[in-house]
Amino acid sequence: MAISPTLKTFLTKQKIKHTTQKHPAVYTAQEIAAAQHTPGKRLAKCVVVKTDKGFFLAVLPAIYLVDLAKLKKLLRAKTLTLANEGDIKRTFPDVDVGAMSVFGNLYNVPTVVDKTLVEAESIVCNAGTHTDTVTVRYRDFEKSVKPKVGSFGLHVAKSRPSAKRKKKA
């Protein structure tokens, strides 16, 4: 499978300049960034959450984790949980689970973006598969999606090497 047909049609109709890239099958945002030789702060990952108001697509840099409490507050939701695989398959029928693009509007899913991505000239994101990405200018994404912008990302600190354990005598 190549770029999602829904995404391809949308980008063409909206005349959004974009490039697509292929890479070996990978499943995490950090692996995609490495495969694409893209800084993690420019790779936009998606997390689908389920709230009392419905589903939302949270978009943030690959080097961040979602702070669920902050996101819940930003969305003014009473409840918020991560969507399960079945929810994602039903909501994004033509994409591989875990490979959603940042264009939640294509699936009638409101999109919220962490403010750290707003500063990016362009972003790289999944294109519906575990082997394809698409690069678009951030302002084209923002203009077409009209996401809510807020602060809900938690920067992943570089892990420290574990302390060496003393050998038992």
N, C-alpha and C. Protein backbone atom coordinates (compact mmCIF):
# COMPACT_ATOMS: atom_id res chain seq x y z
N MET A 1 0.85 -1.19 0.00
CA MET A 1 0.00 0.00 0.00
C MET A 1 0.89 1.24 0.00
N ALA A 2 0.50 2.23 -0.76
CA ALA A 2 1.24 3.50 -0.79
C ALA A 2 0.48 4.52 0.06
N ILE A 3 0.73 5.78 -0.19
CA ILE A 3 0.06 6.85 0.54
C ILE A 3 -1.46 6.62 0.51
N SER A 4 -2.13 6.90 1.60
CA SER A 4 -3.57 6.68 1.70
C SER A 4 -4.30 7.40 0.56
N PRO A 5 -5.24 6.73 -0.11
CA PRO A 5 -5.97 7.36 -1.21
C PRO A 5 -6.71 8.62 -0.76
N THR A 6 -7.26 8.59 0.44
CA THR A 6 -7.97 9.76 0.97
C THR A 6 -7.02 10.95 1.09
N LEU A 7 -5.83 10.72 1.62
CA LEU A 7 -4.84 11.78 1.78
C LEU A 7 -4.35 12.28 0.43
N LYS A 8 -4.05 11.37 -0.47
CA LYS A 8 -3.55 11.75 -1.80
C LYS A 8 -4.56 12.64 -2.53
N THR A 9 -5.82 12.23 -2.51
CA THR A 9 -6.88 13.01 -3.17
C THR A 9 -7.00 14.40 -2.54
N PHE A 10 -6.97 14.45 -1.21
CA PHE A 10 -7.08 15.73 -0.51
C PHE A 10 -5.94 16.67 -0.86
N LEU A 11 -4.71 16.19 -0.79
CA LEU A 11 -3.55 17.03 -1.09
C LEU A 11 -3.60 17.55 -2.52
N THR A 12 -4.04 16.72 -3.44
CA THR A 12 -4.15 17.12 -4.85
C THR A 12 -5.24 18.17 -5.03
N LYS A 13 -6.43 17.91 -4.48
CA LYS A 13 -7.55 18.85 -4.62
C LYS A 13 -7.24 20.20 -3.98
N GLN A 14 -6.57 20.17 -2.83
CA GLN A 14 -6.24 21.41 -2.12
C GLN A 14 -5.00 22.10 -2.69
N LYS A 15 -4.36 21.45 -3.66
CA LYS A 15 -3.13 21.97 -4.29
C LYS A 15 -2.06 22.25 -3.23
N ILE A 16 -1.93 21.30 -2.29
CA ILE A 16 -0.92 21.42 -1.24
C ILE A 16 0.36 20.77 -1.74
N LYS A 17 1.40 21.57 -1.83
CA LYS A 17 2.70 21.04 -2.26
C LYS A 17 3.18 20.07 -1.19
N HIS A 18 3.63 18.92 -1.65
CA HIS A 18 4.09 17.89 -0.71
C HIS A 18 5.08 16.98 -1.40
N THR A 19 5.84 16.29 -0.58
CA THR A 19 6.70 15.24 -1.10
C THR A 19 6.41 13.98 -0.30
N THR A 20 6.56 12.85 -0.94
CA THR A 20 6.37 11.58 -0.25
C THR A 20 7.70 10.85 -0.22
N GLN A 21 7.90 10.07 0.81
CA GLN A 21 9.12 9.29 0.96
C GLN A 21 8.75 7.88 1.38
N LYS A 22 9.53 6.93 0.90
CA LYS A 22 9.38 5.53 1.33
C LYS A 22 10.50 5.23 2.31
N HIS A 23 10.25 4.29 3.21
CA HIS A 23 11.27 3.83 4.15
C HIS A 23 10.94 2.40 4.53
N PRO A 24 11.89 1.70 5.13
CA PRO A 24 11.60 0.34 5.59
C PRO A 24 10.46 0.37 6.61
N ALA A 25 9.73 -0.71 6.74
CA ALA A 25 8.61 -0.77 7.69
C ALA A 25 9.11 -0.53 9.11
N VAL A 26 8.59 0.51 9.73
CA VAL A 26 8.89 0.84 11.12
C VAL A 26 7.59 1.25 11.79
N TYR A 27 7.59 1.21 13.14
CA TYR A 27 6.33 1.37 13.84
C TYR A 27 6.29 2.46 14.90
N THR A 28 7.41 3.07 15.21
CA THR A 28 7.39 4.16 16.19
C THR A 28 7.85 5.45 15.52
N ALA A 29 7.45 6.55 16.09
CA ALA A 29 7.82 7.84 15.53
C ALA A 29 9.33 8.03 15.50
N GLN A 30 10.00 7.59 16.55
CA GLN A 30 11.46 7.74 16.59
C GLN A 30 12.12 6.90 15.51
N GLU A 31 11.58 5.70 15.23
CA GLU A 31 12.12 4.85 14.17
C GLU A 31 11.91 5.50 12.80
N ILE A 32 10.76 6.12 12.62
CA ILE A 32 10.49 6.82 11.35
C ILE A 32 11.48 7.97 11.18
N ALA A 33 11.67 8.77 12.24
CA ALA A 33 12.60 9.89 12.18
C ALA A 33 14.00 9.40 11.77
N ALA A 34 14.43 8.30 12.38
CA ALA A 34 15.75 7.76 12.05
C ALA A 34 15.80 7.26 10.60
N ALA A 35 14.76 6.55 10.17
CA ALA A 35 14.73 6.02 8.81
C ALA A 35 14.70 7.13 7.76
N GLN A 36 14.07 8.25 8.11
CA GLN A 36 13.95 9.38 7.19
C GLN A 36 15.08 10.41 7.34
N HIS A 37 15.95 10.18 8.32
CA HIS A 37 17.01 11.15 8.64
C HIS A 37 16.40 12.52 8.89
N THR A 38 15.33 12.51 9.68
CA THR A 38 14.59 13.72 10.02
C THR A 38 14.69 13.95 11.52
N PRO A 39 14.97 15.19 11.94
CA PRO A 39 14.98 15.45 13.38
C PRO A 39 13.62 15.14 14.00
N GLY A 40 13.65 14.52 15.19
CA GLY A 40 12.42 14.15 15.89
C GLY A 40 11.50 15.33 16.15
N LYS A 41 12.05 16.53 16.23
CA LYS A 41 11.21 17.71 16.49
C LYS A 41 10.42 18.12 15.24
N ARG A 42 10.80 17.61 14.05
CA ARG A 42 10.09 17.92 12.81
C ARG A 42 9.13 16.81 12.38
N LEU A 43 9.28 15.64 12.97
CA LEU A 43 8.39 14.53 12.63
C LEU A 43 7.15 14.64 13.51
N ALA A 44 6.01 14.82 12.88
CA ALA A 44 4.75 14.97 13.61
C ALA A 44 4.11 13.61 13.79
N LYS A 45 3.93 13.20 15.04
CA LYS A 45 3.25 11.93 15.30
C LYS A 45 1.83 12.21 15.76
N CYS A 46 0.99 11.21 15.60
CA CYS A 46 -0.42 11.34 15.94
C CYS A 46 -0.78 10.36 17.05
N VAL A 47 -1.59 10.82 17.97
CA VAL A 47 -2.14 9.98 19.02
C VAL A 47 -3.65 10.20 19.02
N VAL A 48 -4.41 9.13 18.89
CA VAL A 48 -5.86 9.23 18.88
C VAL A 48 -6.36 9.04 20.31
N VAL A 49 -7.16 10.01 20.76
CA VAL A 49 -7.74 9.92 22.10
C VAL A 49 -9.26 9.93 21.99
N LYS A 50 -9.87 9.29 22.98
CA LYS A 50 -11.33 9.20 23.06
C LYS A 50 -11.76 10.00 24.28
N THR A 51 -12.68 10.93 24.08
CA THR A 51 -13.18 11.74 25.19
C THR A 51 -14.69 11.62 25.25
N ASP A 52 -15.27 12.24 26.25
CA ASP A 52 -16.73 12.29 26.35
C ASP A 52 -17.31 13.10 25.20
N LYS A 53 -16.49 13.86 24.48
CA LYS A 53 -16.93 14.68 23.34
C LYS A 53 -16.65 13.98 22.00
N GLY A 54 -16.05 12.80 22.05
CA GLY A 54 -15.72 12.08 20.82
C GLY A 54 -14.21 11.89 20.68
N PHE A 55 -13.80 11.52 19.49
CA PHE A 55 -12.38 11.29 19.21
C PHE A 55 -11.68 12.59 18.85
N PHE A 56 -10.40 12.66 19.19
CA PHE A 56 -9.54 13.77 18.80
C PHE A 56 -8.22 13.19 18.32
N LEU A 57 -7.58 13.90 17.40
CA LEU A 57 -6.25 13.52 16.93
C LEU A 57 -5.27 14.52 17.53
N ALA A 58 -4.41 14.03 18.41
CA ALA A 58 -3.39 14.89 19.03
C ALA A 58 -2.11 14.75 18.22
N VAL A 59 -1.57 15.88 17.77
CA VAL A 59 -0.37 15.89 16.92
C VAL A 59 0.74 16.61 17.66
N LEU A 60 1.90 15.96 17.73
CA LEU A 60 3.03 16.55 18.44
C LEU A 60 4.33 15.98 17.89
N PRO A 61 5.46 16.63 18.19
CA PRO A 61 6.74 16.13 17.69
C PRO A 61 7.05 14.74 18.23
N ALA A 62 7.78 13.97 17.44
CA ALA A 62 8.13 12.60 17.81
C ALA A 62 8.89 12.53 19.13
N ILE A 63 9.61 13.59 19.48
CA ILE A 63 10.41 13.57 20.71
C ILE A 63 9.61 13.96 21.95
N TYR A 64 8.30 14.04 21.81
CA TYR A 64 7.43 14.38 22.92
C TYR A 64 6.47 13.24 23.22
N LEU A 65 6.01 13.18 24.45
CA LEU A 65 4.94 12.29 24.87
C LEU A 65 3.71 13.15 25.14
N VAL A 66 2.53 12.56 25.06
CA VAL A 66 1.31 13.29 25.36
C VAL A 66 1.12 13.32 26.87
N ASP A 67 0.96 14.51 27.43
CA ASP A 67 0.59 14.67 28.83
C ASP A 67 -0.94 14.63 28.83
N LEU A 68 -1.49 13.46 29.17
CA LEU A 68 -2.93 13.26 29.07
C LEU A 68 -3.73 14.23 29.94
N ALA A 69 -3.20 14.58 31.10
CA ALA A 69 -3.92 15.53 31.98
C ALA A 69 -4.00 16.92 31.32
N LYS A 70 -2.89 17.36 30.73
CA LYS A 70 -2.90 18.67 30.05
C LYS A 70 -3.83 18.65 28.85
N LEU A 71 -3.80 17.53 28.09
CA LEU A 71 -4.64 17.44 26.91
C LEU A 71 -6.12 17.43 27.30
N LYS A 72 -6.45 16.72 28.36
CA LYS A 72 -7.83 16.67 28.86
C LYS A 72 -8.31 18.08 29.22
N LYS A 73 -7.44 18.83 29.89
CA LYS A 73 -7.78 20.20 30.29
C LYS A 73 -7.94 21.09 29.05
N LEU A 74 -7.03 20.97 28.10
CA LEU A 74 -7.07 21.77 26.88
C LEU A 74 -8.36 21.52 26.10
N LEU A 75 -8.78 20.26 26.05
CA LEU A 75 -9.99 19.90 25.31
C LEU A 75 -11.25 20.12 26.13
N ARG A 76 -11.08 20.48 27.40
CA ARG A 76 -12.21 20.68 28.32
C ARG A 76 -13.09 19.43 28.36
N ALA A 77 -12.42 18.29 28.42
CA ALA A 77 -13.11 17.00 28.43
C ALA A 77 -13.30 16.52 29.87
N LYS A 78 -14.38 15.80 30.10
CA LYS A 78 -14.60 15.20 31.41
C LYS A 78 -13.81 13.90 31.53
N THR A 79 -13.73 13.16 30.40
CA THR A 79 -12.97 11.91 30.37
C THR A 79 -12.04 11.93 29.16
N LEU A 80 -10.93 11.25 29.27
CA LEU A 80 -9.99 11.14 28.15
C LEU A 80 -9.17 9.87 28.34
N THR A 81 -9.18 9.04 27.31
CA THR A 81 -8.36 7.82 27.30
C THR A 81 -7.77 7.66 25.90
N LEU A 82 -6.75 6.83 25.80
CA LEU A 82 -6.21 6.51 24.49
C LEU A 82 -7.22 5.65 23.75
N ALA A 83 -7.40 5.90 22.46
CA ALA A 83 -8.31 5.08 21.67
C ALA A 83 -7.71 3.69 21.50
N ASN A 84 -8.57 2.68 21.40
CA ASN A 84 -8.06 1.33 21.19
C ASN A 84 -7.96 1.03 19.69
N GLU A 85 -7.37 -0.10 19.37
CA GLU A 85 -7.13 -0.46 17.97
C GLU A 85 -8.43 -0.52 17.16
N GLY A 86 -9.48 -1.07 17.74
CA GLY A 86 -10.77 -1.15 17.06
C GLY A 86 -11.33 0.22 16.74
N ASP A 87 -11.23 1.14 17.70
CA ASP A 87 -11.70 2.52 17.48
C ASP A 87 -10.94 3.15 16.31
N ILE A 88 -9.64 2.93 16.28
CA ILE A 88 -8.80 3.54 15.23
C ILE A 88 -9.14 2.95 13.87
N LYS A 89 -9.33 1.63 13.79
CA LYS A 89 -9.69 0.99 12.51
C LYS A 89 -11.01 1.52 11.97
N ARG A 90 -11.98 1.72 12.86
CA ARG A 90 -13.29 2.23 12.43
C ARG A 90 -13.22 3.71 12.02
N THR A 91 -12.42 4.47 12.71
CA THR A 91 -12.35 5.91 12.47
C THR A 91 -11.48 6.27 11.27
N PHE A 92 -10.41 5.49 11.05
CA PHE A 92 -9.47 5.74 9.96
C PHE A 92 -9.40 4.47 9.09
N PRO A 93 -10.48 4.17 8.34
CA PRO A 93 -10.59 2.87 7.67
C PRO A 93 -9.57 2.58 6.59
N ASP A 94 -8.99 3.59 5.95
CA ASP A 94 -8.07 3.31 4.84
C ASP A 94 -6.60 3.49 5.20
N VAL A 95 -6.28 3.46 6.51
CA VAL A 95 -4.89 3.59 6.92
C VAL A 95 -4.51 2.44 7.86
N ASP A 96 -3.23 2.15 7.91
CA ASP A 96 -2.74 1.15 8.86
C ASP A 96 -2.86 1.73 10.27
N VAL A 97 -3.28 0.92 11.23
CA VAL A 97 -3.37 1.37 12.62
C VAL A 97 -1.99 1.85 13.06
N GLY A 98 -1.94 3.06 13.59
CA GLY A 98 -0.68 3.63 14.04
C GLY A 98 0.04 4.42 12.96
N ALA A 99 -0.56 4.53 11.77
CA ALA A 99 0.10 5.26 10.68
C ALA A 99 -0.79 6.38 10.15
N MET A 100 -1.62 6.96 11.03
CA MET A 100 -2.51 8.03 10.61
C MET A 100 -1.70 9.27 10.26
N SER A 101 -2.19 10.02 9.28
CA SER A 101 -1.56 11.30 8.96
C SER A 101 -2.10 12.35 9.91
N VAL A 102 -1.55 13.53 9.84
CA VAL A 102 -1.95 14.63 10.73
C VAL A 102 -3.27 15.28 10.29
N PHE A 103 -3.82 14.84 9.18
CA PHE A 103 -5.03 15.45 8.62
C PHE A 103 -6.29 14.78 9.17
N GLY A 104 -6.58 15.01 10.43
CA GLY A 104 -7.75 14.43 11.08
C GLY A 104 -9.05 14.88 10.42
N ASN A 105 -9.04 16.06 9.83
CA ASN A 105 -10.23 16.59 9.17
C ASN A 105 -10.74 15.68 8.06
N LEU A 106 -9.86 14.87 7.47
CA LEU A 106 -10.28 13.95 6.40
C LEU A 106 -11.21 12.86 6.92
N TYR A 107 -11.19 12.66 8.22
CA TYR A 107 -12.00 11.61 8.84
C TYR A 107 -12.97 12.19 9.87
N ASN A 108 -13.21 13.50 9.76
CA ASN A 108 -14.10 14.21 10.68
C ASN A 108 -13.66 14.07 12.14
N VAL A 109 -12.36 14.06 12.34
CA VAL A 109 -11.79 13.98 13.68
C VAL A 109 -11.10 15.32 13.98
N PRO A 110 -11.59 16.07 14.97
CA PRO A 110 -10.94 17.33 15.32
C PRO A 110 -9.47 17.09 15.68
N THR A 111 -8.63 18.02 15.26
CA THR A 111 -7.19 17.89 15.46
C THR A 111 -6.70 18.96 16.41
N VAL A 112 -5.83 18.56 17.32
CA VAL A 112 -5.20 19.48 18.25
C VAL A 112 -3.69 19.31 18.09
N VAL A 113 -2.97 20.42 18.04
CA VAL A 113 -1.53 20.40 17.80
C VAL A 113 -0.79 21.02 18.97
N ASP A 114 0.29 20.36 19.37
CA ASP A 114 1.13 20.93 20.41
C ASP A 114 1.82 22.17 19.85
N LYS A 115 1.89 23.22 20.65
CA LYS A 115 2.41 24.51 20.19
C LYS A 115 3.86 24.44 19.68
N THR A 116 4.60 23.42 20.07
CA THR A 116 5.99 23.31 19.62
C THR A 116 6.11 23.05 18.12
N LEU A 117 5.07 22.52 17.49
CA LEU A 117 5.12 22.27 16.05
C LEU A 117 4.85 23.53 15.23
N VAL A 118 4.20 24.51 15.82
CA VAL A 118 3.83 25.72 15.10
C VAL A 118 5.06 26.43 14.53
N GLU A 119 6.19 26.29 15.20
CA GLU A 119 7.41 26.96 14.77
C GLU A 119 8.10 26.28 13.58
N ALA A 120 7.66 25.09 13.22
CA ALA A 120 8.31 24.34 12.14
C ALA A 120 7.94 24.92 10.77
N GLU A 121 8.93 25.02 9.91
CA GLU A 121 8.69 25.44 8.53
C GLU A 121 7.89 24.35 7.80
N SER A 122 8.32 23.10 7.98
CA SER A 122 7.62 21.98 7.38
C SER A 122 7.59 20.83 8.38
N ILE A 123 6.65 19.92 8.16
CA ILE A 123 6.54 18.75 9.03
C ILE A 123 6.50 17.49 8.17
N VAL A 124 6.98 16.41 8.75
CA VAL A 124 6.96 15.10 8.13
C VAL A 124 5.99 14.27 8.97
N CYS A 125 5.12 13.51 8.30
CA CYS A 125 4.17 12.68 9.04
C CYS A 125 3.88 11.39 8.28
N ASN A 126 3.26 10.46 8.98
CA ASN A 126 2.83 9.23 8.33
C ASN A 126 1.85 9.58 7.22
N ALA A 127 1.83 8.70 6.20
CA ALA A 127 0.94 8.91 5.07
C ALA A 127 -0.07 7.78 4.93
N GLY A 128 -0.33 7.09 6.05
CA GLY A 128 -1.32 6.03 6.03
C GLY A 128 -0.76 4.62 6.07
N THR A 129 0.56 4.50 5.95
CA THR A 129 1.19 3.18 6.00
C THR A 129 2.40 3.23 6.93
N HIS A 130 2.97 2.07 7.19
CA HIS A 130 4.18 2.02 8.02
C HIS A 130 5.44 2.13 7.16
N THR A 131 5.27 2.45 5.86
CA THR A 131 6.42 2.58 4.97
C THR A 131 6.43 3.88 4.17
N ASP A 132 5.47 4.77 4.43
CA ASP A 132 5.39 6.01 3.66
C ASP A 132 5.20 7.22 4.58
N THR A 133 5.87 8.30 4.22
CA THR A 133 5.66 9.57 4.91
C THR A 133 5.40 10.66 3.87
N VAL A 134 4.84 11.74 4.34
CA VAL A 134 4.60 12.90 3.49
C VAL A 134 5.14 14.12 4.23
N THR A 135 5.73 15.03 3.47
CA THR A 135 6.24 16.29 4.02
C THR A 135 5.40 17.42 3.45
N VAL A 136 4.92 18.29 4.33
CA VAL A 136 4.14 19.46 3.92
C VAL A 136 4.61 20.67 4.72
N ARG A 137 4.35 21.84 4.19
CA ARG A 137 4.66 23.05 4.95
C ARG A 137 3.65 23.13 6.11
N TYR A 138 4.15 23.54 7.27
CA TYR A 138 3.26 23.60 8.42
C TYR A 138 2.08 24.53 8.14
N ARG A 139 2.33 25.67 7.52
CA ARG A 139 1.23 26.62 7.31
C ARG A 139 0.16 26.07 6.36
N ASP A 140 0.54 25.18 5.42
CA ASP A 140 -0.46 24.54 4.56
C ASP A 140 -1.30 23.56 5.37
N PHE A 141 -0.63 22.82 6.25
CA PHE A 141 -1.35 21.90 7.15
C PHE A 141 -2.33 22.71 8.01
N GLU A 142 -1.84 23.79 8.63
CA GLU A 142 -2.66 24.59 9.53
C GLU A 142 -3.86 25.21 8.80
N LYS A 143 -3.62 25.69 7.59
CA LYS A 143 -4.68 26.32 6.81
C LYS A 143 -5.77 25.32 6.42
N SER A 144 -5.38 24.10 6.11
CA SER A 144 -6.37 23.11 5.67
C SER A 144 -7.05 22.37 6.81
N VAL A 145 -6.36 22.20 7.93
CA VAL A 145 -6.91 21.44 9.06
C VAL A 145 -7.56 22.34 10.10
N LYS A 146 -7.02 23.54 10.27
CA LYS A 146 -7.48 24.48 11.30
C LYS A 146 -7.49 23.83 12.69
N PRO A 147 -6.33 23.31 13.10
CA PRO A 147 -6.28 22.62 14.39
C PRO A 147 -6.33 23.59 15.56
N LYS A 148 -6.76 23.07 16.68
CA LYS A 148 -6.66 23.82 17.93
C LYS A 148 -5.20 23.67 18.36
N VAL A 149 -4.59 24.75 18.83
CA VAL A 149 -3.18 24.71 19.24
C VAL A 149 -3.11 24.92 20.74
N GLY A 150 -2.28 24.13 21.40
CA GLY A 150 -2.11 24.25 22.84
C GLY A 150 -0.86 23.54 23.30
N SER A 151 -0.69 23.50 24.59
CA SER A 151 0.49 22.87 25.18
C SER A 151 0.08 21.59 25.90
N PHE A 152 0.46 20.45 25.32
CA PHE A 152 0.14 19.16 25.96
C PHE A 152 1.27 18.15 25.78
N GLY A 153 2.37 18.58 25.18
CA GLY A 153 3.50 17.67 24.97
C GLY A 153 4.46 17.69 26.14
N LEU A 154 5.03 16.54 26.39
CA LEU A 154 6.01 16.39 27.46
C LEU A 154 7.30 15.93 26.79
N HIS A 155 8.33 16.76 26.85
CA HIS A 155 9.59 16.44 26.17
C HIS A 155 10.22 15.20 26.79
N VAL A 156 10.62 14.29 25.95
CA VAL A 156 11.26 13.06 26.41
C VAL A 156 12.74 13.37 26.65
N ALA A 157 13.14 13.31 27.91
CA ALA A 157 14.55 13.57 28.22
C ALA A 157 15.39 12.41 27.72
N LYS A 158 16.59 12.73 27.31
CA LYS A 158 17.49 11.66 26.89
C LYS A 158 17.73 10.76 28.09
N SER A 159 17.62 9.48 27.83
CA SER A 159 17.78 8.55 28.94
C SER A 159 19.23 8.50 29.38
N ARG A 160 19.39 8.43 30.68
CA ARG A 160 20.73 8.35 31.25
C ARG A 160 21.16 6.90 31.32
N PRO A 161 22.46 6.64 31.14
CA PRO A 161 22.89 5.24 31.26
C PRO A 161 22.64 4.76 32.68
N SER A 162 22.21 3.52 32.77
CA SER A 162 21.92 2.99 34.10
C SER A 162 23.21 2.78 34.87
N ALA A 163 23.10 2.96 36.15
CA ALA A 163 24.29 2.80 37.00
C ALA A 163 24.71 1.33 36.99
N LYS A 164 25.98 1.11 36.96
CA LYS A 164 26.47 -0.28 36.96
C LYS A 164 26.24 -0.87 38.34
N ARG A 165 25.74 -2.07 38.32
CA ARG A 165 25.48 -2.73 39.60
C ARG A 165 26.75 -3.42 40.07
N LYS A 166 26.89 -3.40 41.37
CA LYS A 166 28.06 -4.09 41.94
C LYS A 166 27.83 -5.59 41.87
N LYS A 167 28.86 -6.27 41.49
CA LYS A 167 28.75 -7.74 41.43
C LYS A 167 28.75 -8.29 42.84
N LYS A 168 27.94 -9.31 43.02
CA LYS A 168 27.90 -9.95 44.34
C LYS A 168 29.12 -10.84 44.46
N ALA A 169 29.69 -10.81 45.64
CA ALA A 169 30.90 -11.63 45.87
C ALA A 169 30.56 -13.04 46.19
